[in-house]
N, C-alpha and C. Protein backbone atom coordinates (compact mmCIF):
# COMPACT_ATOMS: atom_id res chain seq x y z
N MET A 1 40.44 135.93 200.92
CA MET A 1 39.60 136.96 201.97
C MET A 1 39.89 138.06 202.49
N HIS A 2 39.49 139.41 203.46
CA HIS A 2 39.36 140.00 203.32
C HIS A 2 40.59 139.79 204.77
N ALA A 3 41.29 140.23 206.12
CA ALA A 3 41.82 139.71 206.71
C ALA A 3 40.43 140.19 207.94
N CYS A 4 39.97 141.30 207.65
CA CYS A 4 38.44 141.72 208.56
C CYS A 4 38.16 140.60 208.95
N ALA A 5 38.09 139.92 207.64
CA ALA A 5 35.97 139.00 208.00
C ALA A 5 36.75 137.97 207.73
N LEU A 6 38.46 138.07 208.60
CA LEU A 6 38.79 136.23 209.04
C LEU A 6 38.60 136.31 210.81
N LEU A 7 38.61 138.19 211.39
CA LEU A 7 38.65 137.80 212.88
C LEU A 7 36.97 137.24 213.49
N PRO A 8 36.13 137.73 213.24
CA PRO A 8 35.41 136.77 214.10
C PRO A 8 35.53 135.20 214.20
N ALA A 9 36.00 134.73 213.43
CA ALA A 9 36.30 132.83 212.94
C ALA A 9 37.13 132.25 213.81
N LEU A 10 38.06 133.77 213.74
CA LEU A 10 39.98 133.96 214.27
C LEU A 10 39.32 133.38 216.02
N PHE A 11 38.84 134.38 216.35
CA PHE A 11 38.19 134.76 217.94
C PHE A 11 37.29 133.97 218.15
N ALA A 12 36.52 132.55 217.51
CA ALA A 12 35.59 132.10 217.16
C ALA A 12 36.28 131.08 217.66
N SER A 13 37.61 130.22 217.00
CA SER A 13 38.65 129.32 217.64
C SER A 13 39.17 130.08 218.19
N LEU A 14 39.67 131.10 218.73
CA LEU A 14 40.22 131.39 220.59
C LEU A 14 39.33 131.24 221.65
N LEU A 15 37.81 131.54 221.74
CA LEU A 15 37.51 130.87 222.68
C LEU A 15 36.57 129.23 223.22
N LEU A 16 36.62 129.05 222.12
CA LEU A 16 37.09 127.53 222.17
C LEU A 16 37.85 126.37 222.92
N CYS A 17 39.31 126.95 222.75
CA CYS A 17 40.16 126.72 222.53
C CYS A 17 41.65 128.10 224.04
N PRO A 18 40.98 127.63 225.20
CA PRO A 18 41.32 128.85 226.36
C PRO A 18 43.18 128.51 225.87
N PRO A 19 44.03 129.07 226.44
CA PRO A 19 45.15 129.23 226.80
C PRO A 19 45.25 128.23 227.89
N PRO A 20 46.31 127.90 227.61
CA PRO A 20 46.58 126.07 228.27
C PRO A 20 47.43 127.08 229.26
N GLN A 21 47.38 126.20 230.60
CA GLN A 21 48.31 126.70 232.84
C GLN A 21 49.06 125.32 232.26
N ASP A 22 50.41 125.72 232.77
CA ASP A 22 51.46 124.95 232.71
C ASP A 22 51.97 123.50 231.79
N LYS A 23 51.97 123.91 230.41
CA LYS A 23 52.45 123.10 230.15
C LYS A 23 53.57 123.21 229.25
N ALA A 24 53.45 122.40 228.66
CA ALA A 24 55.39 122.27 227.71
C ALA A 24 55.64 123.51 227.21
N PRO A 25 56.73 123.58 226.81
CA PRO A 25 57.33 124.84 226.06
C PRO A 25 56.52 125.82 225.13
N GLY A 26 56.04 125.10 224.30
CA GLY A 26 55.60 124.86 223.00
C GLY A 26 54.20 125.84 223.40
N ASP A 27 53.75 124.31 224.37
CA ASP A 27 52.17 124.59 224.21
C ASP A 27 52.07 126.67 224.77
N ALA A 28 53.01 126.62 225.66
CA ALA A 28 53.08 127.97 226.40
C ALA A 28 53.32 128.84 225.70
N ALA A 29 54.37 128.77 224.88
CA ALA A 29 54.92 130.31 223.97
C ALA A 29 52.96 130.24 222.82
N ALA A 30 52.33 128.78 222.18
CA ALA A 30 51.47 129.16 221.66
C ALA A 30 50.38 129.79 222.12
N ALA A 31 49.95 129.40 223.85
CA ALA A 31 49.42 129.92 224.75
C ALA A 31 49.45 131.82 224.92
N ALA A 32 50.47 132.14 225.13
CA ALA A 32 51.06 133.39 225.83
C ALA A 32 50.02 133.34 223.77
N ALA A 33 50.34 133.32 222.79
CA ALA A 33 50.32 133.95 221.67
C ALA A 33 48.79 134.07 221.45
N ARG A 34 48.14 133.32 221.49
CA ARG A 34 46.75 133.25 221.64
C ARG A 34 46.15 134.83 222.98
N LEU A 35 47.15 134.70 223.42
CA LEU A 35 47.01 135.74 224.98
C LEU A 35 46.68 137.22 224.05
N ARG A 36 47.83 137.66 223.52
CA ARG A 36 48.48 138.18 222.88
C ARG A 36 47.65 138.45 221.42
N THR A 37 46.37 137.59 221.06
CA THR A 37 45.99 137.43 219.79
C THR A 37 44.28 137.83 220.95
N LEU A 38 43.90 137.31 222.05
CA LEU A 38 42.62 138.36 222.21
C LEU A 38 42.97 139.29 222.32
N VAL A 39 43.95 140.21 223.21
CA VAL A 39 44.25 141.32 223.61
C VAL A 39 44.28 142.92 222.77
N ALA A 40 44.61 142.07 221.59
CA ALA A 40 44.43 142.94 220.66
C ALA A 40 43.54 143.01 219.93
N GLY A 41 42.40 142.07 220.01
CA GLY A 41 41.47 142.16 219.83
C GLY A 41 40.40 143.42 220.22
N MET A 42 40.91 143.33 222.04
CA MET A 42 40.08 144.51 222.12
C MET A 42 40.19 145.75 222.31
N ASP A 43 40.88 145.92 220.73
CA ASP A 43 41.19 147.18 220.28
C ASP A 43 40.85 147.11 218.39
N SER A 44 39.84 146.35 218.76
CA SER A 44 39.53 145.97 216.89
C SER A 44 38.43 146.78 216.81
N ALA A 45 38.14 146.50 215.94
CA ALA A 45 37.69 147.91 214.97
C ALA A 45 36.21 147.14 214.73
N ASP A 46 36.05 146.18 214.57
CA ASP A 46 35.15 145.31 214.66
C ASP A 46 34.32 144.91 216.48
N ARG A 47 33.21 145.73 216.58
CA ARG A 47 32.28 145.70 218.43
C ARG A 47 32.41 144.24 218.36
N ALA A 48 31.59 143.15 217.67
CA ALA A 48 31.70 141.78 218.25
C ALA A 48 33.19 141.18 218.58
N VAL A 49 34.22 141.62 217.21
CA VAL A 49 35.21 141.20 217.54
C VAL A 49 36.18 141.56 219.29
N GLN A 50 35.63 142.92 219.36
CA GLN A 50 35.72 143.32 220.62
C GLN A 50 35.04 142.84 222.08
N ASP A 51 33.60 142.31 221.81
CA ASP A 51 33.38 141.90 223.26
C ASP A 51 33.73 140.23 223.08
N GLU A 52 33.19 139.48 222.31
CA GLU A 52 34.12 138.17 222.16
C GLU A 52 35.57 138.50 222.92
N ALA A 53 36.94 139.36 222.38
CA ALA A 53 37.92 139.31 223.57
C ALA A 53 37.82 139.33 224.27
N ALA A 54 37.38 140.43 225.24
CA ALA A 54 36.39 140.92 226.91
C ALA A 54 35.78 139.71 227.25
N ALA A 55 35.32 138.99 226.61
CA ALA A 55 34.76 137.80 227.55
C ALA A 55 35.70 137.15 227.66
N ALA A 56 36.42 136.78 226.76
CA ALA A 56 36.80 135.27 227.00
C ALA A 56 38.38 135.42 228.10
N LEU A 57 38.82 136.90 228.06
CA LEU A 57 39.72 137.65 228.89
C LEU A 57 39.05 137.88 230.55
N ARG A 58 37.87 138.05 230.35
CA ARG A 58 37.31 138.23 232.12
C ARG A 58 37.07 136.27 232.12
N GLU A 59 37.80 135.47 231.71
CA GLU A 59 37.57 134.21 232.78
C GLU A 59 39.18 133.33 232.57
N LEU A 60 40.06 134.79 232.60
CA LEU A 60 41.68 133.96 233.01
C LEU A 60 41.87 135.37 233.74
N PRO A 61 42.94 134.73 234.83
CA PRO A 61 44.13 135.48 236.32
C PRO A 61 44.26 136.41 235.36
N ALA A 62 44.08 136.97 236.83
CA ALA A 62 43.56 138.80 236.27
C ALA A 62 45.58 139.12 236.24
N ALA A 63 45.83 138.44 236.94
CA ALA A 63 47.14 138.64 237.15
C ALA A 63 47.88 138.44 235.60
N GLN A 64 47.67 137.98 235.00
CA GLN A 64 47.92 137.60 234.17
C GLN A 64 47.60 138.26 232.61
N VAL A 65 46.47 138.78 232.84
CA VAL A 65 45.87 139.59 231.62
C VAL A 65 45.54 140.90 231.84
N GLY A 66 45.53 141.56 233.13
CA GLY A 66 46.23 142.82 234.24
C GLY A 66 47.33 143.34 233.15
N PRO A 67 48.85 143.42 233.70
CA PRO A 67 49.46 144.12 232.16
C PRO A 67 49.37 144.21 231.16
N LEU A 68 48.52 143.63 230.44
CA LEU A 68 48.66 143.24 228.70
C LEU A 68 47.70 144.80 228.51
N LEU A 69 46.55 145.20 229.65
CA LEU A 69 45.42 145.32 229.28
C LEU A 69 45.99 147.14 229.57
N VAL A 70 47.07 147.63 230.14
CA VAL A 70 47.37 148.84 230.93
C VAL A 70 47.60 149.20 229.42
N PRO A 71 48.50 148.89 228.80
CA PRO A 71 48.30 150.23 227.54
C PRO A 71 47.12 150.73 226.75
N LEU A 72 46.09 149.57 226.79
CA LEU A 72 44.92 149.58 225.73
C LEU A 72 43.97 150.87 226.44
N LEU A 73 44.51 150.90 227.37
CA LEU A 73 43.56 152.48 228.45
C LEU A 73 44.30 153.89 227.38
N ASP A 74 45.08 153.73 225.92
CA ASP A 74 45.38 154.27 225.44
C ASP A 74 45.47 154.91 224.14
N SER A 75 44.75 153.75 223.58
CA SER A 75 44.14 153.55 222.40
C SER A 75 42.94 154.63 222.01
N ARG A 76 43.48 154.85 220.90
CA ARG A 76 42.35 155.53 220.48
C ARG A 76 41.04 155.73 220.01
N GLN A 77 40.41 154.61 219.79
CA GLN A 77 38.64 153.89 220.09
C GLN A 77 38.71 154.57 221.47
N ALA A 78 37.59 155.49 222.01
CA ALA A 78 36.70 155.45 223.42
C ALA A 78 36.33 154.04 223.37
N ARG A 79 36.01 153.56 222.38
CA ARG A 79 35.57 152.19 223.41
C ARG A 79 35.88 151.07 223.80
N THR A 80 37.49 150.79 223.39
CA THR A 80 38.36 150.15 223.73
C THR A 80 38.87 150.97 225.37
N ARG A 81 38.67 152.04 225.09
CA ARG A 81 39.06 152.47 226.77
C ARG A 81 38.87 152.62 227.68
N ARG A 82 36.80 152.12 226.82
CA ARG A 82 35.72 152.11 228.17
C ARG A 82 35.77 150.41 228.73
N LEU A 83 35.92 150.17 227.66
CA LEU A 83 35.85 148.47 227.98
C LEU A 83 36.63 147.48 228.24
N THR A 84 37.99 148.46 228.47
CA THR A 84 39.03 148.08 228.42
C THR A 84 38.86 148.12 230.11
N LEU A 85 38.21 149.16 230.51
CA LEU A 85 38.12 149.79 232.90
C LEU A 85 36.88 149.15 232.97
N ARG A 86 36.01 149.07 232.31
CA ARG A 86 35.76 147.62 232.67
C ARG A 86 35.67 146.27 233.09
N LEU A 87 36.67 145.48 232.14
CA LEU A 87 37.78 144.73 232.54
C LEU A 87 38.39 144.92 233.65
N MET A 88 39.38 145.95 233.80
CA MET A 88 39.92 145.84 234.81
C MET A 88 38.78 145.87 236.05
N ARG A 89 37.90 146.69 236.34
CA ARG A 89 37.09 146.20 237.48
C ARG A 89 37.18 144.95 237.27
N ASP A 90 35.95 144.47 236.51
CA ASP A 90 35.81 142.78 236.52
C ASP A 90 36.89 141.74 237.49
N LEU A 91 38.37 141.97 236.60
CA LEU A 91 39.18 141.69 236.90
C LEU A 91 39.66 141.64 238.60
N GLY A 92 39.41 142.95 238.70
CA GLY A 92 40.09 143.25 240.06
C GLY A 92 41.26 143.40 240.23
N TRP A 93 41.63 144.19 238.78
CA TRP A 93 43.01 144.78 238.73
C TRP A 93 43.80 146.12 239.01
N ASN A 94 44.12 146.55 239.62
CA ASN A 94 44.18 147.50 241.10
C ASN A 94 45.51 147.83 240.64
N ARG A 95 46.65 147.53 239.50
CA ARG A 95 47.06 148.52 239.71
C ARG A 95 48.09 149.41 238.86
N CYS A 96 47.00 150.26 238.68
CA CYS A 96 46.89 151.31 237.27
C CYS A 96 45.67 152.73 237.40
N SER A 97 46.40 153.04 239.00
CA SER A 97 45.52 154.37 239.99
C SER A 97 45.17 155.20 239.06
N GLY A 98 47.39 155.59 238.78
CA GLY A 98 47.53 156.65 237.91
C GLY A 98 47.38 156.53 236.45
N ARG A 99 47.15 155.42 235.94
CA ARG A 99 46.53 155.96 234.51
C ARG A 99 44.71 156.13 234.20
N ILE A 100 44.34 155.82 235.67
CA ILE A 100 42.95 155.57 235.80
C ILE A 100 42.56 157.28 235.81
N THR A 101 42.62 157.65 237.24
CA THR A 101 43.67 159.59 237.73
C THR A 101 43.75 160.27 236.51
N THR A 102 44.08 160.26 235.80
CA THR A 102 44.89 160.52 234.28
C THR A 102 43.15 160.75 233.10
N LEU A 103 42.65 159.47 232.97
CA LEU A 103 41.87 159.07 232.11
C LEU A 103 40.50 160.21 232.72
N LEU A 104 40.05 160.29 234.09
CA LEU A 104 39.76 160.90 234.75
C LEU A 104 39.16 162.22 234.60
N HIS A 105 40.25 163.02 234.72
CA HIS A 105 40.38 164.19 235.03
C HIS A 105 40.61 164.82 232.64
N SER A 106 41.38 163.60 232.39
CA SER A 106 41.98 164.18 230.97
C SER A 106 41.07 163.76 229.80
N ASP A 107 40.48 162.81 230.07
CA ASP A 107 40.07 162.42 228.61
C ASP A 107 38.49 163.09 227.91
N GLN A 108 38.63 162.81 226.55
CA GLN A 108 37.87 164.07 225.44
C GLN A 108 36.12 163.16 225.93
N ASP A 109 36.10 161.73 225.86
CA ASP A 109 35.28 161.59 225.86
C ASP A 109 34.40 160.69 227.60
N ALA A 110 33.07 161.72 227.66
CA ALA A 110 32.20 161.89 228.72
C ALA A 110 32.36 160.13 229.68
N ALA A 111 31.82 159.09 228.88
CA ALA A 111 31.54 157.50 229.12
C ALA A 111 32.79 157.43 229.23
N VAL A 112 33.63 157.60 228.84
CA VAL A 112 35.03 157.16 229.29
C VAL A 112 35.34 157.70 230.70
N ARG A 113 35.32 159.14 230.68
CA ARG A 113 35.16 159.51 232.33
C ARG A 113 34.40 159.11 233.31
N ARG A 114 33.24 158.73 232.77
CA ARG A 114 32.69 158.30 233.87
C ARG A 114 32.78 156.56 234.17
N GLU A 115 33.63 156.26 233.48
CA GLU A 115 34.00 154.32 233.53
C GLU A 115 34.72 154.53 234.53
N ALA A 116 35.53 155.33 234.16
CA ALA A 116 37.08 155.76 235.07
C ALA A 116 36.78 156.12 236.57
N SER A 117 35.17 157.10 237.01
CA SER A 117 34.59 157.37 238.07
C SER A 117 34.64 156.31 238.39
N HIS A 118 33.53 154.86 237.90
CA HIS A 118 33.81 153.86 239.19
C HIS A 118 34.87 152.62 238.85
N SER A 119 36.06 152.72 238.67
CA SER A 119 36.24 152.18 238.16
C SER A 119 37.47 152.71 239.42
N LEU A 120 38.25 153.55 239.48
CA LEU A 120 38.57 154.45 240.82
C LEU A 120 38.14 154.04 241.67
N ALA A 121 36.80 154.68 242.15
CA ALA A 121 36.09 153.67 243.14
C ALA A 121 36.27 153.04 243.68
N VAL A 122 36.20 151.51 242.80
CA VAL A 122 36.23 150.34 243.10
C VAL A 122 37.33 149.99 243.46
N LEU A 123 38.28 150.24 242.55
CA LEU A 123 39.94 149.11 242.46
C LEU A 123 40.50 150.04 243.14
N HIS A 124 40.61 150.85 243.54
CA HIS A 124 41.71 152.73 244.06
C HIS A 124 40.42 152.89 245.42
N PRO A 125 39.99 152.66 246.39
CA PRO A 125 38.89 153.17 247.42
C PRO A 125 39.82 153.97 248.39
N ALA A 126 40.92 154.30 248.34
CA ALA A 126 42.24 154.43 249.42
C ALA A 126 42.45 155.77 248.67
N VAL A 127 42.09 155.76 247.36
CA VAL A 127 42.90 156.72 246.40
C VAL A 127 42.07 158.00 245.78
N ALA A 128 40.18 157.84 246.09
CA ALA A 128 39.76 158.15 245.10
C ALA A 128 39.09 159.01 245.25
N VAL A 129 39.17 159.77 246.62
CA VAL A 129 37.62 160.81 247.66
C VAL A 129 38.73 161.93 246.47
N SER A 130 39.65 162.01 247.09
CA SER A 130 40.40 163.12 246.25
C SER A 130 39.99 163.63 245.22
N ALA A 131 39.83 162.78 243.88
CA ALA A 131 40.11 162.76 242.60
C ALA A 131 38.63 162.99 242.55
N LEU A 132 37.97 162.15 242.88
CA LEU A 132 36.13 162.57 242.65
C LEU A 132 35.67 163.39 242.63
N ALA A 133 36.18 163.63 243.99
CA ALA A 133 35.44 165.35 244.53
C ALA A 133 35.85 165.92 243.63
N ASP A 134 37.00 165.88 242.99
CA ASP A 134 37.91 167.30 242.35
C ASP A 134 36.49 167.07 240.84
N ILE A 135 36.27 166.37 240.34
CA ILE A 135 35.39 165.54 239.16
C ILE A 135 34.04 166.50 239.40
N ALA A 136 33.39 165.86 240.51
CA ALA A 136 32.26 165.79 240.78
C ALA A 136 31.45 167.74 240.93
N VAL A 137 33.08 168.43 240.92
CA VAL A 137 32.81 169.79 241.32
C VAL A 137 33.33 170.50 239.36
N LEU A 138 34.25 170.16 239.05
CA LEU A 138 35.16 170.29 238.14
C LEU A 138 34.26 169.33 236.22
N ASP A 139 33.90 168.56 236.58
CA ASP A 139 34.13 167.95 235.32
C ASP A 139 32.23 169.13 233.85
N HIS A 140 32.36 169.69 233.16
CA HIS A 140 31.59 169.71 232.02
C HIS A 140 30.90 168.89 231.98
N ASP A 141 30.70 167.89 232.08
CA ASP A 141 29.33 167.17 231.90
C ASP A 141 28.81 166.61 233.39
N ALA A 142 27.48 167.50 233.26
CA ALA A 142 26.66 166.84 234.19
C ALA A 142 26.56 165.19 234.55
N ALA A 143 26.35 163.77 233.56
CA ALA A 143 26.94 163.26 233.95
C ALA A 143 27.76 162.56 234.58
N VAL A 144 29.04 162.60 234.03
CA VAL A 144 30.62 162.86 235.06
C VAL A 144 30.14 163.24 236.38
N ARG A 145 29.33 164.10 236.75
CA ARG A 145 29.33 165.03 238.14
C ARG A 145 28.72 163.68 238.83
N ARG A 146 27.68 162.89 238.15
CA ARG A 146 26.72 162.72 238.33
C ARG A 146 27.21 161.52 239.58
N ALA A 147 28.06 161.05 238.05
CA ALA A 147 28.87 159.86 238.49
C ALA A 147 29.63 159.76 239.44
N ALA A 148 30.26 160.57 239.34
CA ALA A 148 31.79 161.00 241.04
C ALA A 148 30.33 161.54 242.20
N ILE A 149 29.82 161.75 241.93
CA ILE A 149 29.24 161.76 243.29
C ILE A 149 28.30 160.47 243.83
N LEU A 150 28.15 160.32 242.96
CA LEU A 150 27.29 158.18 243.46
C LEU A 150 28.83 157.34 243.85
N ASP A 151 30.11 157.61 242.94
CA ASP A 151 31.30 156.85 243.26
C ASP A 151 31.68 156.86 244.75
N LEU A 152 31.55 158.77 245.35
CA LEU A 152 31.66 158.68 247.03
C LEU A 152 31.30 158.41 247.35
N GLY A 153 29.49 158.08 247.31
CA GLY A 153 28.56 157.81 248.27
C GLY A 153 28.93 156.78 248.22
N SER A 154 29.33 155.54 247.46
CA SER A 154 29.65 153.77 248.01
C SER A 154 30.94 153.82 248.73
N LEU A 155 31.52 154.48 248.78
CA LEU A 155 32.92 154.48 249.70
C LEU A 155 32.21 154.44 250.77
N LYS A 156 31.16 155.22 251.59
CA LYS A 156 30.94 154.78 252.99
C LYS A 156 32.53 154.90 254.33
N THR A 157 32.92 156.16 253.57
CA THR A 157 34.22 156.28 254.58
C THR A 157 33.34 158.48 254.65
N ARG A 158 34.26 158.11 256.16
CA ARG A 158 33.60 159.80 256.49
C ARG A 158 35.28 160.75 255.77
N ALA A 159 35.70 160.17 254.98
CA ALA A 159 36.64 161.69 253.84
C ALA A 159 35.10 161.38 253.14
N ALA A 160 35.25 160.59 252.53
CA ALA A 160 33.56 160.89 251.01
C ALA A 160 32.41 161.32 252.05
N LEU A 161 32.19 161.24 253.15
CA LEU A 161 31.19 162.11 253.49
C LEU A 161 31.45 163.50 253.85
N GLU A 162 32.50 163.48 254.48
CA GLU A 162 32.91 164.91 254.08
C GLU A 162 33.15 165.82 253.01
N ALA A 163 34.05 164.79 252.01
CA ALA A 163 33.16 165.36 250.54
C ALA A 163 32.38 165.50 250.33
N LEU A 164 31.28 165.01 250.56
CA LEU A 164 29.60 165.21 249.96
C LEU A 164 29.39 166.33 250.31
N ILE A 165 29.45 166.50 251.69
CA ILE A 165 29.47 168.15 252.25
C ILE A 165 29.03 168.95 251.75
N ASP A 166 31.13 169.09 251.01
CA ASP A 166 31.23 170.14 250.95
C ASP A 166 30.43 170.05 249.41
N ILE A 167 30.58 168.70 248.88
CA ILE A 167 29.84 168.85 247.66
C ILE A 167 27.85 169.98 247.74
N LEU A 168 27.54 169.22 248.12
CA LEU A 168 26.60 169.42 248.81
C LEU A 168 25.88 171.34 248.60
N ALA A 169 27.12 171.90 249.94
CA ALA A 169 27.29 172.65 250.66
C ALA A 169 27.58 174.34 248.82
N GLY A 170 28.51 173.96 247.92
CA GLY A 170 28.23 174.58 246.98
C GLY A 170 26.96 174.29 246.11
N LEU A 171 26.07 173.27 245.61
CA LEU A 171 25.53 173.04 244.69
C LEU A 171 23.62 174.00 245.64
N LEU A 172 23.98 174.27 246.53
CA LEU A 172 22.60 174.55 247.36
C LEU A 172 23.32 176.10 247.16
N GLU A 173 24.15 176.44 247.37
CA GLU A 173 24.90 177.67 246.40
C GLU A 173 24.42 177.75 245.15
N LYS A 174 24.37 177.46 244.61
CA LYS A 174 24.80 177.77 242.28
C LYS A 174 23.07 177.00 241.90
N GLY A 175 22.03 177.31 243.46
CA GLY A 175 21.11 176.43 243.34
C GLY A 175 20.78 175.17 242.19
N ASP A 176 22.26 174.44 242.09
CA ASP A 176 21.92 173.23 240.80
C ASP A 176 20.57 172.08 241.63
N ASP A 177 19.39 172.68 241.26
CA ASP A 177 19.00 171.30 241.76
C ASP A 177 18.74 169.60 241.80
N TYR A 178 19.28 169.25 240.52
CA TYR A 178 19.60 168.30 240.24
C TYR A 178 20.64 167.81 240.83
N LEU A 179 21.59 168.05 240.34
CA LEU A 179 22.36 167.91 241.42
C LEU A 179 22.62 168.01 243.29
N THR A 180 21.99 168.52 243.20
CA THR A 180 21.61 168.44 245.09
C THR A 180 20.92 167.43 245.14
N GLY A 181 19.57 166.93 244.45
CA GLY A 181 19.21 165.27 244.71
C GLY A 181 20.63 164.67 244.91
N VAL A 182 20.61 164.61 243.12
CA VAL A 182 22.29 163.41 243.87
C VAL A 182 22.99 163.08 244.95
N THR A 183 23.35 164.45 244.89
CA THR A 183 24.47 164.35 245.59
C THR A 183 23.11 164.07 247.94
N VAL A 184 22.44 164.65 248.03
CA VAL A 184 21.01 164.04 248.75
C VAL A 184 21.36 162.56 249.07
N ARG A 185 20.85 161.85 247.28
CA ARG A 185 20.87 160.49 247.28
C ARG A 185 22.68 159.78 247.93
N ALA A 186 23.56 160.58 247.67
CA ALA A 186 24.49 159.84 247.77
C ALA A 186 25.26 160.08 249.01
N LEU A 187 25.00 160.41 250.23
CA LEU A 187 24.58 160.86 251.69
C LEU A 187 24.07 160.11 251.75
N THR A 188 23.09 159.76 252.00
CA THR A 188 22.03 158.66 252.01
C THR A 188 23.09 157.48 251.86
N LEU A 189 23.34 156.83 250.06
CA LEU A 189 23.95 155.40 250.62
C LEU A 189 25.28 155.86 250.93
N CYS A 190 25.80 156.73 252.03
CA CYS A 190 27.26 156.82 252.61
C CYS A 190 26.87 156.21 253.63
N THR A 191 26.09 157.18 254.55
CA THR A 191 25.61 156.69 255.63
C THR A 191 24.89 155.90 256.47
N GLY A 192 23.46 156.10 255.37
CA GLY A 192 22.23 155.04 255.86
C GLY A 192 21.54 155.74 256.11
N LYS A 193 21.40 157.39 256.31
CA LYS A 193 21.14 158.36 257.37
C LYS A 193 20.19 159.30 256.16
N SER A 194 18.79 160.00 256.61
CA SER A 194 18.56 160.81 255.67
C SER A 194 18.36 162.12 255.69
N LEU A 195 19.23 163.32 255.81
CA LEU A 195 18.93 164.52 256.61
C LEU A 195 18.61 165.91 255.09
N GLY A 196 18.10 164.91 254.26
CA GLY A 196 17.83 166.10 252.67
C GLY A 196 19.19 167.21 253.01
N THR A 197 18.72 167.92 253.32
CA THR A 197 19.89 169.40 252.50
C THR A 197 20.67 169.59 253.30
N ASN A 198 20.02 169.60 254.76
CA ASN A 198 20.55 170.21 255.61
C ASN A 198 21.56 170.15 256.46
N VAL A 199 22.61 170.67 255.98
CA VAL A 199 23.79 170.60 255.04
C VAL A 199 24.45 170.97 257.48
N GLU A 200 24.17 171.59 257.44
CA GLU A 200 24.50 171.98 259.71
C GLU A 200 24.24 169.81 260.03
N GLY A 201 23.10 169.65 259.73
CA GLY A 201 22.88 168.69 260.09
C GLY A 201 23.67 167.65 259.91
N TRP A 202 24.32 167.26 258.09
CA TRP A 202 24.89 166.19 257.95
C TRP A 202 27.01 166.82 258.50
N ARG A 203 26.82 167.68 258.73
CA ARG A 203 28.15 167.95 258.80
C ARG A 203 28.25 167.70 261.15
N HIS A 204 27.24 167.58 261.58
CA HIS A 204 27.36 167.67 262.74
C HIS A 204 26.81 165.97 263.03
N PHE A 205 26.82 165.02 262.04
CA PHE A 205 26.49 163.70 261.91
C PHE A 205 28.25 162.79 261.62
N ALA A 206 28.91 164.09 260.71
CA ALA A 206 30.13 163.70 260.48
C ALA A 206 30.68 163.14 261.18
N SER A 207 30.49 164.26 262.11
CA SER A 207 31.52 164.25 263.37
C SER A 207 32.00 163.38 264.21
N THR A 208 30.51 162.53 264.13
CA THR A 208 30.22 161.40 265.06
C THR A 208 30.90 159.75 263.91
N PHE A 209 31.24 159.88 262.25
CA PHE A 209 31.17 158.91 261.78
C PHE A 209 31.70 158.33 262.30
N GLN A 210 31.60 156.64 261.45
CA GLN A 210 32.18 155.64 261.81
C GLN A 210 32.53 155.32 260.54
N LYS A 211 33.60 155.40 260.70
CA LYS A 211 33.63 154.14 258.34
C LYS A 211 32.93 152.96 259.14
N GLU A 212 32.69 151.72 258.03
CA GLU A 212 31.66 150.88 257.82
C GLU A 212 32.77 149.53 258.28
N THR A 213 34.22 149.70 257.72
CA THR A 213 34.98 149.14 257.36
C THR A 213 36.82 149.70 257.98
N GLU A 214 37.46 149.05 257.61
CA GLU A 214 38.69 149.36 257.80
C GLU A 214 39.18 150.39 256.87
N GLU A 215 40.37 151.19 256.85
CA GLU A 215 40.82 151.69 255.64
C GLU A 215 41.62 151.30 254.41
N PRO A 216 41.55 150.70 253.25
CA PRO A 216 42.43 149.46 252.66
C PRO A 216 44.00 150.42 252.85
N PRO A 217 43.71 148.76 252.23
CA PRO A 217 45.57 149.08 252.65
C PRO A 217 45.60 149.76 251.00
N ALA A 218 47.10 150.92 251.05
CA ALA A 218 47.59 151.27 249.92
C ALA A 218 47.72 150.04 247.96
N ASP A 219 47.32 151.01 247.17
CA ASP A 219 47.24 150.47 245.62
C ASP A 219 48.75 149.78 246.32
N GLY A 220 49.04 148.62 245.21
CA GLY A 220 50.27 148.22 244.93
C GLY A 220 51.06 148.90 244.19
N ALA A 221 52.33 148.61 243.45
CA ALA A 221 52.78 149.59 242.46
C ALA A 221 52.22 150.35 241.66
N GLU A 222 52.47 150.80 240.64
CA GLU A 222 52.36 150.74 238.76
C GLU A 222 52.42 150.41 238.14
N GLU A 223 51.55 149.52 237.26
CA GLU A 223 52.77 149.12 236.25
C GLU A 223 53.32 150.03 235.11
N THR A 224 54.26 149.75 234.72
CA THR A 224 54.87 150.59 233.54
C THR A 224 55.12 149.90 232.55
N ALA A 225 54.57 148.83 232.04
CA ALA A 225 54.77 148.56 230.37
C ALA A 225 53.61 149.96 229.10
N PRO A 226 24.54 153.88 242.95
CA PRO A 226 25.05 153.20 241.57
C PRO A 226 23.85 153.05 240.94
N ASP A 227 23.57 154.24 239.96
CA ASP A 227 23.54 154.09 238.23
C ASP A 227 25.65 154.03 237.96
N GLN A 228 25.09 153.06 237.02
CA GLN A 228 26.81 152.94 235.81
C GLN A 228 26.80 152.93 235.01
N PRO A 229 26.38 153.33 233.97
CA PRO A 229 25.44 153.46 232.69
C PRO A 229 26.90 152.81 231.36
N GLY A 230 25.80 152.20 230.55
CA GLY A 230 27.22 151.45 229.78
C GLY A 230 26.95 151.55 228.31
N GLU A 231 26.93 153.07 228.09
CA GLU A 231 27.42 153.79 226.74
C GLU A 231 27.96 153.34 225.98
N GLU A 232 27.56 152.86 224.52
CA GLU A 232 28.32 151.49 223.72
C GLU A 232 29.00 152.99 222.69
């Protein structure tokens, strides 16, 4: 039988037998091998295998899975990169802000850039504002700019608010009604206020705006080894 035909059966057996914890050396080696197989499945050409692998990995500890996911951000398959970003968000794996920022700025696939925007806002809010503000203005895809604007709104910090006000002013100058509306929505998401397109009103409000939460701590060391569309 061709190897590709064996993949679904292989992953079905892996899902029924998740890697055990703190077992004997032989069991630990087998568990590590199964984990590597699941991670490899994330880069399969078979979508069903990818989805099953992602579902199984989502149930495991982030510290165990996260380091193995980082190389998948360099996959040739855009779908693998998207799934990996989503899985990192689900796991809360927040040790690769540099790689996510690189994908946000330079990935050729717009859907990957959107996922990177969502992931940077969720996993690395302390470093997200500058990158998201750049993408909100510079990306050539309107859907990516929209994602970055809304993700800025989700941060609910003064820095995000000030970035959104600058974005709003620029969009009004350009006469971009669509993204102007998105930015007004993001400003309301960020602040709970509705001042429409009144840039000066927003600037006055920003001067007294208090962050809803304390500034998050800086991200950990890098690994070396809301509409958020989920297009396939």
